[in-house]
Amino acid sequence: MDRLRSRDDYLANVAQAWRETLPDVAFDADRRWEDVGADSFASLQLLMQLEDSLGISIPLDLLRPESTPAMLAAALWRINRA
């Protein structure tokens, strides 16, 4: 994993995982997770896809009901920068 990736790279990964996890829900970087009607299984799917694509371990509590894709991408970027 390249530690110098931009936040936009992380958002692109979140967008791809979103589309694979929720193919019937339009992607919006500012839409809250709780507003799309996703359940805990979808949350796990999204996080597992991100772990696979980014090659990092992601804490389960990183994706909260109030999280947006933009917030998730920023948190992933911070984790990788630490």
C-alpha atoms as a PDB file:
ATOM      1  CA  MET A   1       0.000   0.000   0.000  1.00  0.00           C
ATOM      2  CA  ASP A   2       1.384   3.374  -1.002  1.00  0.00           C
ATOM      3  CA  ARG A   3       1.315   5.568   2.084  1.00  0.00           C
ATOM      4  CA  LEU A   4       1.205   8.711  -0.051  1.00  0.00           C
ATOM      5  CA  ARG A   5      -2.200   8.110  -1.620  1.00  0.00           C
ATOM      6  CA  SER A   6      -4.534  11.091  -1.651  1.00  0.00           C
ATOM      7  CA  ARG A   7      -7.905  11.395   0.046  1.00  0.00           C
ATOM      8  CA  ASP A   8      -9.454  11.337  -3.419  1.00  0.00           C
ATOM      9  CA  ASP A   9      -7.933   7.885  -3.975  1.00  0.00           C
ATOM     10  CA  TYR A  10      -9.607   6.677  -0.802  1.00  0.00           C
ATOM     11  CA  LEU A  11     -12.922   8.219  -1.848  1.00  0.00           C
ATOM     12  CA  ALA A  12     -12.665   6.428  -5.199  1.00  0.00           C
ATOM     13  CA  ASN A  13     -12.163   3.132  -3.338  1.00  0.00           C
ATOM     14  CA  VAL A  14     -15.139   3.863  -1.076  1.00  0.00           C
ATOM     15  CA  ALA A  15     -17.257   4.715  -4.139  1.00  0.00           C
ATOM     16  CA  GLN A  16     -16.334   1.429  -5.826  1.00  0.00           C
ATOM     17  CA  ALA A  17     -17.075  -0.600  -2.688  1.00  0.00           C
ATOM     18  CA  TRP A  18     -20.361   1.301  -2.259  1.00  0.00           C
ATOM     19  CA  ARG A  19     -21.448   0.476  -5.806  1.00  0.00           C
ATOM     20  CA  GLU A  20     -20.609  -3.202  -5.315  1.00  0.00           C
ATOM     21  CA  THR A  21     -22.308  -3.395  -1.920  1.00  0.00           C
ATOM     22  CA  LEU A  22     -25.354  -1.263  -2.739  1.00  0.00           C
ATOM     23  CA  PRO A  23     -25.826  -1.491  -6.511  1.00  0.00           C
ATOM     24  CA  ASP A  24     -29.366  -0.089  -6.348  1.00  0.00           C
ATOM     25  CA  VAL A  25     -28.418   2.999  -4.312  1.00  0.00           C
ATOM     26  CA  ALA A  26     -26.893   5.985  -6.116  1.00  0.00           C
ATOM     27  CA  PHE A  27     -23.494   6.979  -4.752  1.00  0.00           C
ATOM     28  CA  ASP A  28     -23.334  10.354  -3.038  1.00  0.00           C
ATOM     29  CA  ALA A  29     -20.190  11.262  -1.095  1.00  0.00           C
ATOM     30  CA  ASP A  30     -22.255  13.225   1.420  1.00  0.00           C
ATOM     31  CA  ARG A  31     -25.082  10.743   1.990  1.00  0.00           C
ATOM     32  CA  ARG A  32     -25.234   9.248   5.468  1.00  0.00           C
ATOM     33  CA  TRP A  33     -24.992   5.462   5.763  1.00  0.00           C
ATOM     34  CA  GLU A  34     -28.175   5.317   7.857  1.00  0.00           C
ATOM     35  CA  ASP A  35     -30.085   7.141   5.118  1.00  0.00           C
ATOM     36  CA  VAL A  36     -29.500   4.423   2.504  1.00  0.00           C
ATOM     37  CA  GLY A  37     -31.238   1.705   4.495  1.00  0.00           C
ATOM     38  CA  ALA A  38     -28.162  -0.518   4.684  1.00  0.00           C
ATOM     39  CA  ASP A  39     -28.053  -3.189   7.361  1.00  0.00           C
ATOM     40  CA  SER A  40     -25.166  -4.621   9.386  1.00  0.00           C
ATOM     41  CA  PHE A  41     -24.448  -7.230   6.700  1.00  0.00           C
ATOM     42  CA  ALA A  42     -24.010  -4.486   4.093  1.00  0.00           C
ATOM     43  CA  SER A  43     -21.729  -2.651   6.520  1.00  0.00           C
ATOM     44  CA  LEU A  44     -19.528  -5.719   6.850  1.00  0.00           C
ATOM     45  CA  GLN A  45     -19.502  -6.243   3.091  1.00  0.00           C
ATOM     46  CA  LEU A  46     -18.440  -2.653   2.489  1.00  0.00           C
ATOM     47  CA  LEU A  47     -15.650  -2.795   5.060  1.00  0.00           C
ATOM     48  CA  MET A  48     -14.387  -6.161   3.801  1.00  0.00           C
ATOM     49  CA  GLN A  49     -14.273  -4.889   0.220  1.00  0.00           C
ATOM     50  CA  LEU A  50     -12.329  -1.860   1.379  1.00  0.00           C
ATOM     51  CA  GLU A  51      -9.904  -4.029   3.339  1.00  0.00           C
ATOM     52  CA  ASP A  52      -9.305  -6.128   0.229  1.00  0.00           C
ATOM     53  CA  SER A  53      -8.856  -3.189  -2.123  1.00  0.00           C
ATOM     54  CA  LEU A  54      -6.721  -1.102   0.237  1.00  0.00           C
ATOM     55  CA  GLY A  55      -4.784  -3.904   1.881  1.00  0.00           C
ATOM     56  CA  ILE A  56      -5.361  -2.576   5.396  1.00  0.00           C
ATOM     57  CA  SER A  57      -7.267  -3.711   8.466  1.00  0.00           C
ATOM     58  CA  ILE A  58     -10.283  -1.508   9.172  1.00  0.00           C
ATOM     59  CA  PRO A  59     -11.924  -1.287  12.610  1.00  0.00           C
ATOM     60  CA  LEU A  60     -15.594  -2.262  12.477  1.00  0.00           C
ATOM     61  CA  ASP A  61     -16.641   0.850  14.372  1.00  0.00           C
ATOM     62  CA  LEU A  62     -15.236   3.104  11.649  1.00  0.00           C
ATOM     63  CA  LEU A  63     -18.525   2.886   9.749  1.00  0.00           C
ATOM     64  CA  ARG A  64     -21.225   4.444  11.892  1.00  0.00           C
ATOM     65  CA  PRO A  65     -24.826   5.266  10.983  1.00  0.00           C
ATOM     66  CA  GLU A  66     -23.974   8.958  10.598  1.00  0.00           C
ATOM     67  CA  SER A  67     -20.910   8.264   8.426  1.00  0.00           C
ATOM     68  CA  THR A  68     -20.816   9.514   4.861  1.00  0.00           C
ATOM     69  CA  PRO A  69     -18.531   8.123   2.167  1.00  0.00           C
ATOM     70  CA  ALA A  70     -16.462  11.317   2.370  1.00  0.00           C
ATOM     71  CA  MET A  71     -16.093  10.896   6.141  1.00  0.00           C
ATOM     72  CA  LEU A  72     -15.165   7.238   5.732  1.00  0.00           C
ATOM     73  CA  ALA A  73     -12.554   8.049   3.070  1.00  0.00           C
ATOM     74  CA  ALA A  74     -11.006  10.731   5.279  1.00  0.00           C
ATOM     75  CA  ALA A  75     -10.873   8.320   8.246  1.00  0.00           C
ATOM     76  CA  LEU A  76      -9.225   5.649   6.094  1.00  0.00           C
ATOM     77  CA  TRP A  77      -6.692   8.175   4.856  1.00  0.00           C
ATOM     78  CA  ARG A  78      -5.875   9.170   8.457  1.00  0.00           C
ATOM     79  CA  ILE A  79      -5.484   5.531   9.513  1.00  0.00           C
ATOM     80  CA  ASN A  80      -3.032   4.886   6.712  1.00  0.00           C
ATOM     81  CA  ARG A  81      -1.073   8.054   7.491  1.00  0.00           C
ATOM     82  CA  ALA A  82      -0.585   7.100  11.156  1.00  0.00           C
END
